[in-house]
Amino acid sequence: MTERPLEPGVGVEPRVRVEGAPAVGAARAADLADIGVAIGIPEPYRTELQDWRERLGDPNAALIIPHVTLLGPTTVSLADLPAIERHLAHTARPNDPFTIRLRGSGTFRPLSPVIFVALVAGEARCATLAAAVRSGPLERPLNFPYHPHVTVAHDIAEDGLDRAYEALADYQAEFDVRGFGLYERGGDLRWRQIRFFPFDQQGDESEQNGDGGRRADIGSRE
């Protein structure tokens, strides 16, 4: 989900795409979409971590909210999206809410220039969810073990990475997770949540997008 907006985690979930589909950034067919699945960090921690990323000069700061990736950037056919959304609703439904606790900073250096806030509670539940998401129509191989985290700095100079690691060494946050979101990358490269899949939901329903608006039409290029 190296790491990009809606990060899979460096050394965790590499960028993957449908066989035969163009790589992200190349000329692409109109019937393809770049999607990802993630747990968005709620307020007030979302703004705190976003502000940190912006202050550190991360070029990806404005492209994606702070999150824990379940499925990294994946190019899919628009025709497959109804089955993918049914799969995600089915994946979310039997789960109970759980708690994520963030504490301290971590890094993927020297493998990749990334600083993140570490999970000290909720890791196992995230791993179980990620494996379930990455099945059925979204089945994807992993080249490295899954490692849930929240990126706060990537693609910046080494001294900036050092500052990020030190500044967030004492960072702490705790929040409940009640579902996960489906995100799409727009033509402006920003990732937007287009649908939220709540836990413990009866039937094949999902909530409106996390910004309170109607469910966006995936495949749109905002």
C-alpha atoms as a PDB file:
ATOM      1  CA  MET A   1       0.000   0.000   0.000  1.00  0.00           C
ATOM      2  CA  THR A   2       8.787   2.225  -1.657  1.00  0.00           C
ATOM      3  CA  GLU A   3       5.695   3.958   0.174  1.00  0.00           C
ATOM      4  CA  ARG A   4       3.250   6.328  -1.532  1.00  0.00           C
ATOM      5  CA  PRO A   5       0.054   8.114  -0.517  1.00  0.00           C
ATOM      6  CA  LEU A   6      -2.286   5.582   1.018  1.00  0.00           C
ATOM      7  CA  GLU A   7       0.891   3.825   1.947  1.00  0.00           C
ATOM      8  CA  PRO A   8       0.989   0.053   2.095  1.00  0.00           C
ATOM      9  CA  GLY A   9       3.961   0.389   4.368  1.00  0.00           C
ATOM     10  CA  VAL A  10       7.472   0.112   3.095  1.00  0.00           C
ATOM     11  CA  GLY A  11       8.510  -3.503   3.226  1.00  0.00           C
ATOM     12  CA  VAL A  12       4.897  -4.370   3.922  1.00  0.00           C
ATOM     13  CA  GLU A  13       2.507  -4.220   0.991  1.00  0.00           C
ATOM     14  CA  PRO A  14       4.153  -3.348  -2.331  1.00  0.00           C
ATOM     15  CA  ARG A  15       2.262  -1.542  -5.053  1.00  0.00           C
ATOM     16  CA  VAL A  16       0.289  -4.101  -7.007  1.00  0.00           C
ATOM     17  CA  ARG A  17      -1.914  -3.881 -10.065  1.00  0.00           C
ATOM     18  CA  VAL A  18      -4.204  -5.990 -12.165  1.00  0.00           C
ATOM     19  CA  GLU A  19      -2.317  -8.186 -14.614  1.00  0.00           C
ATOM     20  CA  GLY A  20      -1.970  -6.334 -17.882  1.00  0.00           C
ATOM     21  CA  ALA A  21      -3.061  -2.979 -16.468  1.00  0.00           C
ATOM     22  CA  PRO A  22      -0.803   0.064 -16.896  1.00  0.00           C
ATOM     23  CA  ALA A  23       1.314   1.139 -13.965  1.00  0.00           C
ATOM     24  CA  VAL A  24       0.051   4.061 -11.917  1.00  0.00           C
ATOM     25  CA  GLY A  25       1.225   7.278 -13.516  1.00  0.00           C
ATOM     26  CA  ALA A  26       1.279   5.804 -17.017  1.00  0.00           C
ATOM     27  CA  ALA A  27      -1.375   6.418 -19.640  1.00  0.00           C
ATOM     28  CA  ARG A  28      -4.418   4.584 -18.336  1.00  0.00           C
ATOM     29  CA  ALA A  29      -7.704   3.354 -19.674  1.00  0.00           C
ATOM     30  CA  ALA A  30     -10.879   5.125 -18.594  1.00  0.00           C
ATOM     31  CA  ASP A  31     -12.269   1.874 -17.191  1.00  0.00           C
ATOM     32  CA  LEU A  32      -9.594   1.546 -14.487  1.00  0.00           C
ATOM     33  CA  ALA A  33      -9.442   3.005 -10.991  1.00  0.00           C
ATOM     34  CA  ASP A  34      -6.722   3.232  -8.331  1.00  0.00           C
ATOM     35  CA  ILE A  35      -8.155   2.161  -4.987  1.00  0.00           C
ATOM     36  CA  GLY A  36      -6.959   1.408  -1.480  1.00  0.00           C
ATOM     37  CA  VAL A  37      -8.478   0.293   1.820  1.00  0.00           C
ATOM     38  CA  ALA A  38      -7.521   1.890   5.127  1.00  0.00           C
ATOM     39  CA  ILE A  39      -8.503   2.785   8.673  1.00  0.00           C
ATOM     40  CA  GLY A  40      -8.615   6.573   8.833  1.00  0.00           C
ATOM     41  CA  ILE A  41      -7.261   8.172  12.011  1.00  0.00           C
ATOM     42  CA  PRO A  42     -10.057  10.137  13.758  1.00  0.00           C
ATOM     43  CA  GLU A  43      -9.906  13.646  15.202  1.00  0.00           C
ATOM     44  CA  PRO A  44      -8.186  15.190  17.025  1.00  0.00           C
ATOM     45  CA  TYR A  45      -5.287  12.905  16.136  1.00  0.00           C
ATOM     46  CA  ARG A  46      -5.908  13.216  12.403  1.00  0.00           C
ATOM     47  CA  THR A  47      -5.163  16.921  12.429  1.00  0.00           C
ATOM     48  CA  GLU A  48      -2.227  16.513  14.826  1.00  0.00           C
ATOM     49  CA  LEU A  49      -0.517  13.972  12.589  1.00  0.00           C
ATOM     50  CA  GLN A  50      -1.408  15.837   9.396  1.00  0.00           C
ATOM     51  CA  ASP A  51       0.116  19.003  10.840  1.00  0.00           C
ATOM     52  CA  TRP A  52       3.284  17.136  11.746  1.00  0.00           C
ATOM     53  CA  ARG A  53       3.579  15.762   8.224  1.00  0.00           C
ATOM     54  CA  GLU A  54       3.102  19.213   6.710  1.00  0.00           C
ATOM     55  CA  ARG A  55       5.592  20.864   9.074  1.00  0.00           C
ATOM     56  CA  LEU A  56       8.165  18.234   8.201  1.00  0.00           C
ATOM     57  CA  GLY A  57       7.793  19.092   4.524  1.00  0.00           C
ATOM     58  CA  ASP A  58       6.465  15.729   3.376  1.00  0.00           C
ATOM     59  CA  PRO A  59       5.317  16.178  -0.254  1.00  0.00           C
ATOM     60  CA  ASN A  60       2.556  13.603   0.299  1.00  0.00           C
ATOM     61  CA  ALA A  61       1.011  15.414   3.272  1.00  0.00           C
ATOM     62  CA  ALA A  62      -1.853  16.984   1.337  1.00  0.00           C
ATOM     63  CA  LEU A  63      -2.681  13.863  -0.665  1.00  0.00           C
ATOM     64  CA  ILE A  64      -3.997  11.509   2.022  1.00  0.00           C
ATOM     65  CA  ILE A  65      -5.262  11.706   5.596  1.00  0.00           C
ATOM     66  CA  PRO A  66      -3.300   9.863   8.316  1.00  0.00           C
ATOM     67  CA  HIS A  67      -4.312   6.214   8.233  1.00  0.00           C
ATOM     68  CA  VAL A  68      -3.434   2.580   8.806  1.00  0.00           C
ATOM     69  CA  THR A  69      -3.333   0.787   5.454  1.00  0.00           C
ATOM     70  CA  LEU A  70      -5.182  -2.491   4.944  1.00  0.00           C
ATOM     71  CA  LEU A  71      -4.717  -2.638   1.166  1.00  0.00           C
ATOM     72  CA  GLY A  72      -2.208  -0.436  -0.587  1.00  0.00           C
ATOM     73  CA  PRO A  73      -2.660   1.288  -3.965  1.00  0.00           C
ATOM     74  CA  THR A  74      -4.225  -1.208  -6.353  1.00  0.00           C
ATOM     75  CA  THR A  75      -5.376  -0.674  -9.932  1.00  0.00           C
ATOM     76  CA  VAL A  76      -8.667  -2.428 -10.656  1.00  0.00           C
ATOM     77  CA  SER A  77     -11.240  -2.537 -13.402  1.00  0.00           C
ATOM     78  CA  LEU A  78     -14.345  -0.441 -12.779  1.00  0.00           C
ATOM     79  CA  ALA A  79     -16.368  -3.491 -13.817  1.00  0.00           C
ATOM     80  CA  ASP A  80     -14.976  -5.352 -10.789  1.00  0.00           C
ATOM     81  CA  LEU A  81     -15.950  -2.688  -8.253  1.00  0.00           C
ATOM     82  CA  PRO A  82     -19.432  -4.005  -7.368  1.00  0.00           C
ATOM     83  CA  ALA A  83     -17.897  -7.364  -6.407  1.00  0.00           C
ATOM     84  CA  ILE A  84     -15.093  -5.601  -4.524  1.00  0.00           C
ATOM     85  CA  GLU A  85     -17.554  -3.503  -2.523  1.00  0.00           C
ATOM     86  CA  ARG A  86     -19.651  -6.566  -1.677  1.00  0.00           C
ATOM     87  CA  HIS A  87     -16.469  -8.293  -0.549  1.00  0.00           C
ATOM     88  CA  LEU A  88     -15.503  -5.365   1.695  1.00  0.00           C
ATOM     89  CA  ALA A  89     -18.980  -5.161   3.218  1.00  0.00           C
ATOM     90  CA  HIS A  90     -18.859  -8.909   3.923  1.00  0.00           C
ATOM     91  CA  THR A  91     -15.359  -8.540   5.409  1.00  0.00           C
ATOM     92  CA  ALA A  92     -16.373  -5.715   7.754  1.00  0.00           C
ATOM     93  CA  ARG A  93     -19.710  -7.110   8.917  1.00  0.00           C
ATOM     94  CA  PRO A  94     -18.689  -9.817  11.453  1.00  0.00           C
ATOM     95  CA  ASN A  95     -16.114  -7.656  13.250  1.00  0.00           C
ATOM     96  CA  ASP A  96     -16.531  -5.963  16.610  1.00  0.00           C
ATOM     97  CA  PRO A  97     -15.012  -2.528  17.279  1.00  0.00           C
ATOM     98  CA  PHE A  98     -11.490  -2.558  18.687  1.00  0.00           C
ATOM     99  CA  THR A  99      -8.973  -0.100  20.077  1.00  0.00           C
ATOM    100  CA  ILE A 100      -5.821   1.147  18.409  1.00  0.00           C
ATOM    101  CA  ARG A 101      -3.170   2.684  20.635  1.00  0.00           C
ATOM    102  CA  LEU A 102      -0.310   4.655  19.079  1.00  0.00           C
ATOM    103  CA  ARG A 103       2.907   5.263  20.944  1.00  0.00           C
ATOM    104  CA  GLY A 104       6.333   6.461  19.881  1.00  0.00           C
ATOM    105  CA  SER A 105       8.104   6.621  16.542  1.00  0.00           C
ATOM    106  CA  GLY A 106       9.548   3.936  14.308  1.00  0.00           C
ATOM    107  CA  THR A 107      11.337   3.759  10.975  1.00  0.00           C
ATOM    108  CA  PHE A 108      11.834   1.514   7.963  1.00  0.00           C
ATOM    109  CA  ARG A 109      15.334   2.884   7.375  1.00  0.00           C
ATOM    110  CA  PRO A 110      17.632   1.855   5.793  1.00  0.00           C
ATOM    111  CA  LEU A 111      15.198  -0.174   3.683  1.00  0.00           C
ATOM    112  CA  SER A 112      13.107   2.901   2.949  1.00  0.00           C
ATOM    113  CA  PRO A 113      13.134   6.560   4.106  1.00  0.00           C
ATOM    114  CA  VAL A 114       9.997   6.423   6.252  1.00  0.00           C
ATOM    115  CA  ILE A 115       9.211   7.538   9.798  1.00  0.00           C
ATOM    116  CA  PHE A 116       5.980   6.342  11.367  1.00  0.00           C
ATOM    117  CA  VAL A 117       4.019   6.306  14.601  1.00  0.00           C
ATOM    118  CA  ALA A 118       3.900   2.766  15.947  1.00  0.00           C
ATOM    119  CA  LEU A 119       0.881   0.727  17.010  1.00  0.00           C
ATOM    120  CA  VAL A 120       1.239  -0.794  20.470  1.00  0.00           C
ATOM    121  CA  ALA A 121      -2.340  -2.098  20.603  1.00  0.00           C
ATOM    122  CA  GLY A 122      -4.605  -3.244  17.787  1.00  0.00           C
ATOM    123  CA  GLU A 123      -1.842  -4.665  15.602  1.00  0.00           C
ATOM    124  CA  ALA A 124      -3.247  -8.187  15.525  1.00  0.00           C
ATOM    125  CA  ARG A 125      -6.741  -6.986  14.626  1.00  0.00           C
ATOM    126  CA  CYS A 126      -5.336  -4.827  11.812  1.00  0.00           C
ATOM    127  CA  ALA A 127      -3.358  -7.795  10.480  1.00  0.00           C
ATOM    128  CA  THR A 128      -6.445 -10.018  10.551  1.00  0.00           C
ATOM    129  CA  LEU A 129      -8.493  -7.365   8.752  1.00  0.00           C
ATOM    130  CA  ALA A 130      -5.785  -6.778   6.157  1.00  0.00           C
ATOM    131  CA  ALA A 131      -5.583 -10.498   5.369  1.00  0.00           C
ATOM    132  CA  ALA A 132      -9.372 -10.682   4.992  1.00  0.00           C
ATOM    133  CA  VAL A 133      -9.460  -7.592   2.755  1.00  0.00           C
ATOM    134  CA  ARG A 134      -6.684  -9.085   0.623  1.00  0.00           C
ATOM    135  CA  SER A 135      -8.768 -12.125  -0.326  1.00  0.00           C
ATOM    136  CA  GLY A 136     -11.405 -12.926  -2.917  1.00  0.00           C
ATOM    137  CA  PRO A 137     -11.488 -10.242  -5.633  1.00  0.00           C
ATOM    138  CA  LEU A 138      -8.667  -8.363  -3.870  1.00  0.00           C
ATOM    139  CA  GLU A 139      -6.352 -11.320  -3.348  1.00  0.00           C
ATOM    140  CA  ARG A 140      -2.789 -10.043  -3.541  1.00  0.00           C
ATOM    141  CA  PRO A 141       0.592 -11.498  -2.574  1.00  0.00           C
ATOM    142  CA  LEU A 142       2.773  -9.903   0.076  1.00  0.00           C
ATOM    143  CA  ASN A 143       6.493  -9.601  -0.542  1.00  0.00           C
ATOM    144  CA  PHE A 144       7.107  -8.614   3.082  1.00  0.00           C
ATOM    145  CA  PRO A 145       5.300  -9.201   6.371  1.00  0.00           C
ATOM    146  CA  TYR A 146       2.414  -6.838   7.052  1.00  0.00           C
ATOM    147  CA  HIS A 147       3.330  -4.142   9.584  1.00  0.00           C
ATOM    148  CA  PRO A 148       0.512  -1.730  10.532  1.00  0.00           C
ATOM    149  CA  HIS A 149       1.661   1.827  11.217  1.00  0.00           C
ATOM    150  CA  VAL A 150       0.840   5.501  10.595  1.00  0.00           C
ATOM    151  CA  THR A 151       3.315   7.281   8.330  1.00  0.00           C
ATOM    152  CA  VAL A 152       4.361  10.792   9.372  1.00  0.00           C
ATOM    153  CA  ALA A 153       7.337  11.422   7.079  1.00  0.00           C
ATOM    154  CA  HIS A 154       8.458  10.005   3.736  1.00  0.00           C
ATOM    155  CA  ASP A 155      10.425  11.278   0.755  1.00  0.00           C
ATOM    156  CA  ILE A 156      12.177  14.006   2.741  1.00  0.00           C
ATOM    157  CA  ALA A 157      15.838  14.653   3.520  1.00  0.00           C
ATOM    158  CA  GLU A 158      17.656  12.497   6.070  1.00  0.00           C
ATOM    159  CA  ASP A 159      17.937  15.312   8.590  1.00  0.00           C
ATOM    160  CA  GLY A 160      14.172  15.809   8.331  1.00  0.00           C
ATOM    161  CA  LEU A 161      13.627  12.119   8.978  1.00  0.00           C
ATOM    162  CA  ASP A 162      15.873  12.370  12.018  1.00  0.00           C
ATOM    163  CA  ARG A 163      13.854  15.326  13.336  1.00  0.00           C
ATOM    164  CA  ALA A 164      10.590  13.460  12.783  1.00  0.00           C
ATOM    165  CA  TYR A 165      11.857  10.402  14.628  1.00  0.00           C
ATOM    166  CA  GLU A 166      12.950  12.474  17.604  1.00  0.00           C
ATOM    167  CA  ALA A 167       9.921  14.783  17.679  1.00  0.00           C
ATOM    168  CA  LEU A 168       7.384  11.948  17.720  1.00  0.00           C
ATOM    169  CA  ALA A 169       9.254   9.654  20.104  1.00  0.00           C
ATOM    170  CA  ASP A 170       6.780  10.472  22.894  1.00  0.00           C
ATOM    171  CA  TYR A 171       3.639  10.737  20.779  1.00  0.00           C
ATOM    172  CA  GLN A 172       0.587   8.870  22.122  1.00  0.00           C
ATOM    173  CA  ALA A 173      -2.995   8.433  20.938  1.00  0.00           C
ATOM    174  CA  GLU A 174      -5.829   5.985  21.529  1.00  0.00           C
ATOM    175  CA  PHE A 175      -9.090   5.566  19.609  1.00  0.00           C
ATOM    176  CA  ASP A 176     -11.756   3.016  18.732  1.00  0.00           C
ATOM    177  CA  VAL A 177     -12.031   1.508  15.254  1.00  0.00           C
ATOM    178  CA  ARG A 178     -15.579   0.872  14.061  1.00  0.00           C
ATOM    179  CA  GLY A 179     -14.946   0.104  10.399  1.00  0.00           C
ATOM    180  CA  PHE A 180     -12.705   0.936   7.465  1.00  0.00           C
ATOM    181  CA  GLY A 181     -12.870   2.984   4.287  1.00  0.00           C
ATOM    182  CA  LEU A 182     -12.531   2.428   0.559  1.00  0.00           C
ATOM    183  CA  TYR A 183     -10.438   5.165  -1.027  1.00  0.00           C
ATOM    184  CA  GLU A 184      -9.882   6.245  -4.615  1.00  0.00           C
ATOM    185  CA  ARG A 185      -7.032   8.280  -6.075  1.00  0.00           C
ATOM    186  CA  GLY A 186      -8.321  11.169  -8.168  1.00  0.00           C
ATOM    187  CA  GLY A 187      -6.775  12.794 -11.193  1.00  0.00           C
ATOM    188  CA  ASP A 188      -5.180  15.320  -8.842  1.00  0.00           C
ATOM    189  CA  LEU A 189      -3.460  12.395  -7.036  1.00  0.00           C
ATOM    190  CA  ARG A 190      -5.430  13.037  -3.829  1.00  0.00           C
ATOM    191  CA  TRP A 191      -6.933  10.024  -2.085  1.00  0.00           C
ATOM    192  CA  ARG A 192     -10.583  10.409  -1.047  1.00  0.00           C
ATOM    193  CA  GLN A 193     -12.764   8.081   0.979  1.00  0.00           C
ATOM    194  CA  ILE A 194     -15.703   7.108  -1.200  1.00  0.00           C
ATOM    195  CA  ARG A 195     -17.338   4.546   1.062  1.00  0.00           C
ATOM    196  CA  PHE A 196     -17.173   3.491   4.698  1.00  0.00           C
ATOM    197  CA  PHE A 197     -17.766  -0.122   5.759  1.00  0.00           C
ATOM    198  CA  PRO A 198     -18.887  -0.311   9.406  1.00  0.00           C
ATOM    199  CA  PHE A 199     -18.377  -3.306  11.652  1.00  0.00           C
ATOM    200  CA  ASP A 200     -21.312  -5.317  12.976  1.00  0.00           C
ATOM    201  CA  GLN A 201     -23.608  -4.139  10.197  1.00  0.00           C
ATOM    202  CA  GLN A 202     -26.660  -6.208   9.255  1.00  0.00           C
ATOM    203  CA  GLY A 203     -27.356  -6.754   5.584  1.00  0.00           C
ATOM    204  CA  ASP A 204     -25.203  -5.516   2.713  1.00  0.00           C
ATOM    205  CA  GLU A 205     -25.247  -1.860   3.682  1.00  0.00           C
ATOM    206  CA  SER A 206     -22.470   0.624   4.143  1.00  0.00           C
ATOM    207  CA  GLU A 207     -22.393   4.186   5.317  1.00  0.00           C
ATOM    208  CA  GLN A 208     -21.956   7.365   3.342  1.00  0.00           C
ATOM    209  CA  ASN A 209     -18.449   8.635   2.878  1.00  0.00           C
ATOM    210  CA  GLY A 210     -16.615   9.909   5.916  1.00  0.00           C
ATOM    211  CA  ASP A 211     -17.063  13.559   4.973  1.00  0.00           C
ATOM    212  CA  GLY A 212     -20.830  13.351   5.474  1.00  0.00           C
ATOM    213  CA  GLY A 213     -21.692  13.575   1.776  1.00  0.00           C
ATOM    214  CA  ARG A 214     -23.237  11.029  -0.509  1.00  0.00           C
ATOM    215  CA  ARG A 215     -21.244   8.040  -1.630  1.00  0.00           C
ATOM    216  CA  ALA A 216     -18.993   9.226  -4.447  1.00  0.00           C
ATOM    217  CA  ASP A 217     -19.047   7.546  -7.823  1.00  0.00           C
ATOM    218  CA  ILE A 218     -15.826   5.608  -8.038  1.00  0.00           C
ATOM    219  CA  GLY A 219     -14.013   6.166 -11.265  1.00  0.00           C
ATOM    220  CA  SER A 220     -14.726   9.889 -11.127  1.00  0.00           C
ATOM    221  CA  ARG A 221     -11.704  12.089 -11.579  1.00  0.00           C
ATOM    222  CA  GLU A 222     -12.256  14.994  -9.231  1.00  0.00           C
END
